[in-house]
C-alpha atoms as a PDB file:
ATOM      1  CA  UNK A   1      -1.974 -22.502  19.212  1.00  0.00           C
ATOM      2  CA  UNK A   2      -1.802 -23.837  15.730  1.00  0.00           C
ATOM      3  CA  UNK A   3       1.494 -23.591  13.521  1.00  0.00           C
ATOM      4  CA  UNK A   4       1.534 -21.494  10.410  1.00  0.00           C
ATOM      5  CA  UNK A   5       4.536 -22.759   9.472  1.00  0.00           C
ATOM      6  CA  UNK A   6       6.679 -25.775  10.097  1.00  0.00           C
ATOM      7  CA  UNK A   7       9.989 -26.447   8.544  1.00  0.00           C
ATOM      8  CA  UNK A   8      11.884 -29.631   8.501  1.00  0.00           C
ATOM      9  CA  UNK A   9      15.459 -30.342   7.922  1.00  0.00           C
ATOM     10  CA  UNK A  10      16.171 -27.231   5.980  1.00  0.00           C
ATOM     11  CA  UNK A  11      19.468 -27.533   4.055  1.00  0.00           C
ATOM     12  CA  UNK A  12      20.219 -24.950   1.501  1.00  0.00           C
ATOM     13  CA  UNK A  13      24.036 -25.019  -0.162  1.00  0.00           C
ATOM     14  CA  UNK A  14      25.523 -22.473  -2.493  1.00  0.00           C
ATOM     15  CA  UNK A  15      28.495 -24.513  -3.828  1.00  0.00           C
ATOM     16  CA  UNK A  16      30.180 -25.481  -0.561  1.00  0.00           C
ATOM     17  CA  UNK A  17      28.794 -22.954   1.161  1.00  0.00           C
ATOM     18  CA  UNK A  18      25.948 -24.221   3.990  1.00  0.00           C
ATOM     19  CA  UNK A  19      23.222 -20.931   4.134  1.00  0.00           C
ATOM     20  CA  UNK A  20      20.816 -23.106   5.962  1.00  0.00           C
ATOM     21  CA  UNK A  21      22.191 -26.519   7.985  1.00  0.00           C
ATOM     22  CA  UNK A  22      19.273 -28.888   8.833  1.00  0.00           C
ATOM     23  CA  UNK A  23      16.789 -26.069  10.725  1.00  0.00           C
ATOM     24  CA  UNK A  24      13.593 -27.628  11.890  1.00  0.00           C
ATOM     25  CA  UNK A  25      11.158 -25.694  14.074  1.00  0.00           C
ATOM     26  CA  UNK A  26       7.788 -24.361  14.099  1.00  0.00           C
ATOM     27  CA  UNK A  27       6.270 -21.169  14.088  1.00  0.00           C
ATOM     28  CA  UNK A  28       2.678 -20.377  15.514  1.00  0.00           C
ATOM     29  CA  UNK A  29      -0.089 -18.607  13.462  1.00  0.00           C
ATOM     30  CA  UNK A  30      -0.631 -14.753  14.873  1.00  0.00           C
ATOM     31  CA  UNK A  31       2.805 -14.643  16.528  1.00  0.00           C
ATOM     32  CA  UNK A  32       5.771 -11.686  15.345  1.00  0.00           C
ATOM     33  CA  UNK A  33       8.933 -13.200  15.055  1.00  0.00           C
ATOM     34  CA  UNK A  34      12.210 -11.141  14.917  1.00  0.00           C
ATOM     35  CA  UNK A  35      14.852 -13.166  13.475  1.00  0.00           C
ATOM     36  CA  UNK A  36      18.316 -11.912  14.395  1.00  0.00           C
ATOM     37  CA  UNK A  37      21.793 -12.995  13.532  1.00  0.00           C
ATOM     38  CA  UNK A  38      25.335 -11.420  12.397  1.00  0.00           C
ATOM     39  CA  UNK A  39      25.777 -11.294   8.584  1.00  0.00           C
ATOM     40  CA  UNK A  40      25.925 -14.832   6.857  1.00  0.00           C
ATOM     41  CA  UNK A  41      23.931 -16.443   9.719  1.00  0.00           C
ATOM     42  CA  UNK A  42      21.267 -17.385   7.341  1.00  0.00           C
ATOM     43  CA  UNK A  43      18.466 -15.244   8.468  1.00  0.00           C
ATOM     44  CA  UNK A  44      17.647 -13.926   4.445  1.00  0.00           C
ATOM     45  CA  UNK A  45      18.002 -17.454   3.180  1.00  0.00           C
ATOM     46  CA  UNK A  46      15.411 -18.729   5.588  1.00  0.00           C
ATOM     47  CA  UNK A  47      12.985 -15.559   4.312  1.00  0.00           C
ATOM     48  CA  UNK A  48      13.413 -16.539   0.765  1.00  0.00           C
ATOM     49  CA  UNK A  49      12.793 -20.001   1.638  1.00  0.00           C
ATOM     50  CA  UNK A  50       9.498 -19.378   3.596  1.00  0.00           C
ATOM     51  CA  UNK A  51       8.490 -17.007   0.403  1.00  0.00           C
ATOM     52  CA  UNK A  52       9.160 -20.092  -1.912  1.00  0.00           C
ATOM     53  CA  UNK A  53      12.018 -18.018  -3.885  1.00  0.00           C
ATOM     54  CA  UNK A  54      14.873 -20.262  -2.768  1.00  0.00           C
ATOM     55  CA  UNK A  55      14.926 -23.628  -3.725  1.00  0.00           C
ATOM     56  CA  UNK A  56      15.972 -26.156  -0.954  1.00  0.00           C
ATOM     57  CA  UNK A  57      18.961 -28.545  -1.283  1.00  0.00           C
ATOM     58  CA  UNK A  58      17.476 -30.815   1.232  1.00  0.00           C
ATOM     59  CA  UNK A  59      13.933 -30.293   3.540  1.00  0.00           C
ATOM     60  CA  UNK A  60      10.461 -29.278   3.573  1.00  0.00           C
ATOM     61  CA  UNK A  61       8.271 -26.559   4.622  1.00  0.00           C
ATOM     62  CA  UNK A  62       4.553 -26.570   5.363  1.00  0.00           C
ATOM     63  CA  UNK A  63       2.828 -23.109   5.567  1.00  0.00           C
ATOM     64  CA  UNK A  64      -0.602 -22.586   6.264  1.00  0.00           C
ATOM     65  CA  UNK A  65      -1.457 -26.663   6.247  1.00  0.00           C
ATOM     66  CA  UNK A  66       0.269 -27.308   2.858  1.00  0.00           C
ATOM     67  CA  UNK A  67       3.612 -27.877   1.267  1.00  0.00           C
ATOM     68  CA  UNK A  68       2.620 -26.572  -1.865  1.00  0.00           C
ATOM     69  CA  UNK A  69       3.927 -23.383  -1.447  1.00  0.00           C
ATOM     70  CA  UNK A  70       2.672 -22.122  -4.672  1.00  0.00           C
ATOM     71  CA  UNK A  71      -0.928 -23.059  -3.960  1.00  0.00           C
ATOM     72  CA  UNK A  72      -0.732 -20.463  -1.068  1.00  0.00           C
ATOM     73  CA  UNK A  73       1.680 -17.546  -2.703  1.00  0.00           C
ATOM     74  CA  UNK A  74      -1.283 -15.433  -2.807  1.00  0.00           C
ATOM     75  CA  UNK A  75      -1.589 -15.280   0.947  1.00  0.00           C
ATOM     76  CA  UNK A  76       1.732 -14.256   1.617  1.00  0.00           C
ATOM     77  CA  UNK A  77       3.527 -10.676   1.724  1.00  0.00           C
ATOM     78  CA  UNK A  78       7.088 -10.317   1.119  1.00  0.00           C
ATOM     79  CA  UNK A  79       9.110  -7.468   1.600  1.00  0.00           C
ATOM     80  CA  UNK A  80      13.077  -7.739   0.129  1.00  0.00           C
ATOM     81  CA  UNK A  81      15.652  -6.089   1.127  1.00  0.00           C
ATOM     82  CA  UNK A  82      16.113  -3.854  -2.437  1.00  0.00           C
ATOM     83  CA  UNK A  83      12.412  -2.185  -2.886  1.00  0.00           C
ATOM     84  CA  UNK A  84      11.087  -4.067  -5.946  1.00  0.00           C
ATOM     85  CA  UNK A  85       9.336  -0.777  -6.996  1.00  0.00           C
ATOM     86  CA  UNK A  86       9.440   0.789 -10.308  1.00  0.00           C
ATOM     87  CA  UNK A  87      11.314   3.954 -10.274  1.00  0.00           C
ATOM     88  CA  UNK A  88       9.949   5.967 -13.047  1.00  0.00           C
ATOM     89  CA  UNK A  89       6.313   5.333 -11.725  1.00  0.00           C
ATOM     90  CA  UNK A  90       4.565   7.351  -8.863  1.00  0.00           C
ATOM     91  CA  UNK A  91       3.494   5.003  -5.653  1.00  0.00           C
ATOM     92  CA  UNK A  92       0.354   5.109  -6.600  1.00  0.00           C
ATOM     93  CA  UNK A  93       0.822   3.838  -9.951  1.00  0.00           C
ATOM     94  CA  UNK A  94       3.433   0.993  -8.643  1.00  0.00           C
ATOM     95  CA  UNK A  95       0.571  -0.390  -6.421  1.00  0.00           C
ATOM     96  CA  UNK A  96      -2.378  -0.275  -9.032  1.00  0.00           C
ATOM     97  CA  UNK A  97       0.169  -2.235 -10.959  1.00  0.00           C
ATOM     98  CA  UNK A  98       0.478  -4.893  -8.440  1.00  0.00           C
ATOM     99  CA  UNK A  99      -2.774  -4.896  -7.486  1.00  0.00           C
ATOM    100  CA  UNK A 100      -3.626  -5.889 -10.756  1.00  0.00           C
ATOM    101  CA  UNK A 101      -0.974  -8.772 -10.566  1.00  0.00           C
ATOM    102  CA  UNK A 102      -2.465  -9.894  -7.184  1.00  0.00           C
ATOM    103  CA  UNK A 103      -6.358  -9.646  -8.988  1.00  0.00           C
ATOM    104  CA  UNK A 104      -7.473  -7.580  -5.961  1.00  0.00           C
ATOM    105  CA  UNK A 105     -10.874  -6.632  -7.562  1.00  0.00           C
ATOM    106  CA  UNK A 106     -11.446 -10.306  -7.812  1.00  0.00           C
ATOM    107  CA  UNK A 107     -11.647 -10.407  -4.334  1.00  0.00           C
ATOM    108  CA  UNK A 108     -14.247  -7.833  -4.368  1.00  0.00           C
ATOM    109  CA  UNK A 109     -11.888  -5.304  -3.574  1.00  0.00           C
ATOM    110  CA  UNK A 110     -11.893  -1.614  -5.278  1.00  0.00           C
ATOM    111  CA  UNK A 111      -8.016  -1.189  -6.415  1.00  0.00           C
ATOM    112  CA  UNK A 112      -7.836   2.111  -5.950  1.00  0.00           C
ATOM    113  CA  UNK A 113      -9.520   2.444  -2.632  1.00  0.00           C
ATOM    114  CA  UNK A 114      -7.028  -0.521  -1.167  1.00  0.00           C
ATOM    115  CA  UNK A 115      -3.778   1.173  -2.696  1.00  0.00           C
ATOM    116  CA  UNK A 116      -4.844   4.369  -1.134  1.00  0.00           C
ATOM    117  CA  UNK A 117      -5.497   2.590   2.227  1.00  0.00           C
ATOM    118  CA  UNK A 118      -2.072   0.800   2.518  1.00  0.00           C
ATOM    119  CA  UNK A 119      -0.186   4.044   1.411  1.00  0.00           C
ATOM    120  CA  UNK A 120      -1.952   5.816   4.080  1.00  0.00           C
ATOM    121  CA  UNK A 121      -0.972   2.931   6.466  1.00  0.00           C
ATOM    122  CA  UNK A 122       2.458   3.418   6.065  1.00  0.00           C
ATOM    123  CA  UNK A 123       2.127   7.264   6.588  1.00  0.00           C
ATOM    124  CA  UNK A 124       2.478   8.439   2.990  1.00  0.00           C
ATOM    125  CA  UNK A 125       0.452  10.285   0.965  1.00  0.00           C
ATOM    126  CA  UNK A 126      -1.222   8.343  -2.034  1.00  0.00           C
ATOM    127  CA  UNK A 127      -1.834  11.662  -3.791  1.00  0.00           C
ATOM    128  CA  UNK A 128       1.693  12.064  -4.593  1.00  0.00           C
ATOM    129  CA  UNK A 129       2.538  12.272  -8.054  1.00  0.00           C
ATOM    130  CA  UNK A 130       6.695  12.097  -7.655  1.00  0.00           C
ATOM    131  CA  UNK A 131       8.289   9.136  -9.143  1.00  0.00           C
ATOM    132  CA  UNK A 132       9.362   6.585  -6.729  1.00  0.00           C
ATOM    133  CA  UNK A 133      12.935   7.019  -8.187  1.00  0.00           C
ATOM    134  CA  UNK A 134      12.812  10.493  -6.221  1.00  0.00           C
ATOM    135  CA  UNK A 135      11.825   9.107  -3.002  1.00  0.00           C
ATOM    136  CA  UNK A 136      14.233   8.968  -0.207  1.00  0.00           C
ATOM    137  CA  UNK A 137      15.200   5.821   0.783  1.00  0.00           C
ATOM    138  CA  UNK A 138      13.058   6.006   3.860  1.00  0.00           C
ATOM    139  CA  UNK A 139      10.130   6.542   2.003  1.00  0.00           C
ATOM    140  CA  UNK A 140      11.053   4.023  -0.505  1.00  0.00           C
ATOM    141  CA  UNK A 141      11.093   1.455   2.361  1.00  0.00           C
ATOM    142  CA  UNK A 142       7.713   2.520   4.037  1.00  0.00           C
ATOM    143  CA  UNK A 143       6.113   2.126   0.018  1.00  0.00           C
ATOM    144  CA  UNK A 144       7.990  -1.368  -0.175  1.00  0.00           C
ATOM    145  CA  UNK A 145       5.911  -2.228   2.798  1.00  0.00           C
ATOM    146  CA  UNK A 146       2.541  -0.897   1.400  1.00  0.00           C
ATOM    147  CA  UNK A 147       3.307  -3.233  -1.010  1.00  0.00           C
ATOM    148  CA  UNK A 148       3.569  -6.517   0.963  1.00  0.00           C
ATOM    149  CA  UNK A 149       0.693  -5.286   2.589  1.00  0.00           C
ATOM    150  CA  UNK A 150      -1.330  -4.857  -0.728  1.00  0.00           C
ATOM    151  CA  UNK A 151      -3.216  -8.256  -0.734  1.00  0.00           C
ATOM    152  CA  UNK A 152      -3.856  -8.553   3.146  1.00  0.00           C
ATOM    153  CA  UNK A 153      -1.679 -11.604   3.477  1.00  0.00           C
ATOM    154  CA  UNK A 154      -2.225 -13.853   6.281  1.00  0.00           C
ATOM    155  CA  UNK A 155       2.058 -14.019   6.898  1.00  0.00           C
ATOM    156  CA  UNK A 156       4.446 -11.379   6.048  1.00  0.00           C
ATOM    157  CA  UNK A 157       8.113 -11.921   5.208  1.00  0.00           C
ATOM    158  CA  UNK A 158       9.997  -8.661   5.886  1.00  0.00           C
ATOM    159  CA  UNK A 159      13.730  -8.600   4.981  1.00  0.00           C
ATOM    160  CA  UNK A 160      15.353  -5.443   7.059  1.00  0.00           C
ATOM    161  CA  UNK A 161      12.033  -3.192   6.660  1.00  0.00           C
ATOM    162  CA  UNK A 162      13.781  -0.435   9.246  1.00  0.00           C
ATOM    163  CA  UNK A 163      16.847  -0.192   6.962  1.00  0.00           C
ATOM    164  CA  UNK A 164      17.536   3.669   6.269  1.00  0.00           C
ATOM    165  CA  UNK A 165      14.184   4.660   8.214  1.00  0.00           C
ATOM    166  CA  UNK A 166      14.353   7.290  10.238  1.00  0.00           C
ATOM    167  CA  UNK A 167      13.277   6.133  14.126  1.00  0.00           C
ATOM    168  CA  UNK A 168       9.982   7.980  14.206  1.00  0.00           C
ATOM    169  CA  UNK A 169       9.218   6.219  10.827  1.00  0.00           C
ATOM    170  CA  UNK A 170      10.499   2.963  12.294  1.00  0.00           C
ATOM    171  CA  UNK A 171       8.482   3.357  15.552  1.00  0.00           C
ATOM    172  CA  UNK A 172       5.297   3.840  13.445  1.00  0.00           C
ATOM    173  CA  UNK A 173       6.205   1.067  11.398  1.00  0.00           C
ATOM    174  CA  UNK A 174       6.607  -1.228  14.357  1.00  0.00           C
ATOM    175  CA  UNK A 175       3.147  -0.008  15.521  1.00  0.00           C
ATOM    176  CA  UNK A 176       1.688  -0.803  12.209  1.00  0.00           C
ATOM    177  CA  UNK A 177       3.078  -4.538  12.395  1.00  0.00           C
ATOM    178  CA  UNK A 178       1.744  -5.385  16.045  1.00  0.00           C
ATOM    179  CA  UNK A 179      -1.627  -3.811  14.948  1.00  0.00           C
ATOM    180  CA  UNK A 180      -1.205  -6.691  11.901  1.00  0.00           C
ATOM    181  CA  UNK A 181      -0.211  -9.341  14.637  1.00  0.00           C
ATOM    182  CA  UNK A 182      -2.943  -8.543  16.993  1.00  0.00           C
ATOM    183  CA  UNK A 183      -5.473  -8.833  13.960  1.00  0.00           C
ATOM    184  CA  UNK A 184      -3.915 -12.682  13.249  1.00  0.00           C
ATOM    185  CA  UNK A 185      -1.368 -12.135  11.199  1.00  0.00           C
ATOM    186  CA  UNK A 186       2.015 -14.162  11.467  1.00  0.00           C
ATOM    187  CA  UNK A 187       5.127 -11.609  10.990  1.00  0.00           C
ATOM    188  CA  UNK A 188       8.762 -12.616  10.350  1.00  0.00           C
ATOM    189  CA  UNK A 189      11.093  -9.704  10.244  1.00  0.00           C
ATOM    190  CA  UNK A 190      14.771 -10.305   9.623  1.00  0.00           C
ATOM    191  CA  UNK A 191      16.798  -7.017  11.133  1.00  0.00           C
ATOM    192  CA  UNK A 192      19.851  -5.779  13.091  1.00  0.00           C
ATOM    193  CA  UNK A 193      17.589  -3.463  14.821  1.00  0.00           C
ATOM    194  CA  UNK A 194      16.307  -5.715  17.556  1.00  0.00           C
ATOM    195  CA  UNK A 195      15.849  -2.977  19.975  1.00  0.00           C
ATOM    196  CA  UNK A 196      12.877  -1.240  17.844  1.00  0.00           C
ATOM    197  CA  UNK A 197      10.918  -4.473  18.084  1.00  0.00           C
ATOM    198  CA  UNK A 198      11.578  -5.107  22.216  1.00  0.00           C
ATOM    199  CA  UNK A 199       8.171  -4.845  23.781  1.00  0.00           C
ATOM    200  CA  UNK A 200       6.493  -5.488  20.302  1.00  0.00           C
ATOM    201  CA  UNK A 201       8.084  -9.247  19.224  1.00  0.00           C
ATOM    202  CA  UNK A 202       6.380 -12.266  20.417  1.00  0.00           C
ATOM    203  CA  UNK A 203       9.692 -14.149  19.994  1.00  0.00           C
ATOM    204  CA  UNK A 204      13.121 -13.341  18.952  1.00  0.00           C
ATOM    205  CA  UNK A 205      14.865 -16.261  17.237  1.00  0.00           C
ATOM    206  CA  UNK A 206      18.810 -15.921  16.915  1.00  0.00           C
ATOM    207  CA  UNK A 207      20.646 -17.912  14.081  1.00  0.00           C
ATOM    208  CA  UNK A 208      24.265 -18.633  13.894  1.00  0.00           C
ATOM    209  CA  UNK A 209      25.939 -20.455  10.795  1.00  0.00           C
ATOM    210  CA  UNK A 210      22.705 -21.602   9.054  1.00  0.00           C
ATOM    211  CA  UNK A 211      20.737 -22.803  12.428  1.00  0.00           C
ATOM    212  CA  UNK A 212      18.506 -21.353  14.872  1.00  0.00           C
ATOM    213  CA  UNK A 213      20.289 -21.384  17.950  1.00  0.00           C
ATOM    214  CA  UNK A 214      17.778 -19.938  20.777  1.00  0.00           C
ATOM    215  CA  UNK A 215      14.314 -18.589  20.781  1.00  0.00           C
ATOM    216  CA  UNK A 216      13.312 -16.348  23.574  1.00  0.00           C
ATOM    217  CA  UNK A 217      10.816 -13.773  24.273  1.00  0.00           C
ATOM    218  CA  UNK A 218      13.264 -11.826  26.200  1.00  0.00           C
ATOM    219  CA  UNK A 219      15.595  -9.921  23.798  1.00  0.00           C
ATOM    220  CA  UNK A 220      18.423  -9.104  26.961  1.00  0.00           C
ATOM    221  CA  UNK A 221      18.515 -12.792  27.466  1.00  0.00           C
ATOM    222  CA  UNK A 222      19.176 -13.145  23.782  1.00  0.00           C
ATOM    223  CA  UNK A 223      21.912 -10.709  23.489  1.00  0.00           C
ATOM    224  CA  UNK A 224      23.036 -11.623  26.469  1.00  0.00           C
ATOM    225  CA  UNK A 225      24.289 -15.028  25.371  1.00  0.00           C
ATOM    226  CA  UNK A 226      25.569 -13.454  22.177  1.00  0.00           C
END
């Protein structure tokens, strides 16, 4: 199985604090990875580094065969812990705006159809005219996921996607993610709710103090040693 992502000796310093300390590993294509660890373990820093949003102190990242992350940014979908949505716009208006940024129509797709499709995929209604600022936290999370899916990315980077989402909706999101993985996408999920991904994630990656300390397909084996 080919590697979608290769990281080599990643170091990220914030002043005297090392958020990443020499992380080197590979992630195969078409797999769903749950990134676990306590607060401050380096999970979000690693995700932001993969998204090209955090300049590294040292090290390199190869993604989809290149170290030039800017050249593949259009093939990434990133969901930050904040929703990154415009509160005064409806969900559909938000996605229309991002569709123009992604130049969806230039890829032969109809903006309206694509926006509506991803909104339905996260179990929301594209005809809802209420501003996103009036959404519940769970609805905002699902709309944020829709935004990350808009450009049909090959690699999906999700930071706490289940935060403030009710159990039924979270399980629906997991079903959606497993379907995307089965379709060949590579997915990274930073989460404190690892149990939601039991039976869905291909690998549980545990981080401590800026390093990857274990990788296993068995969540129980991971948590028993922590």
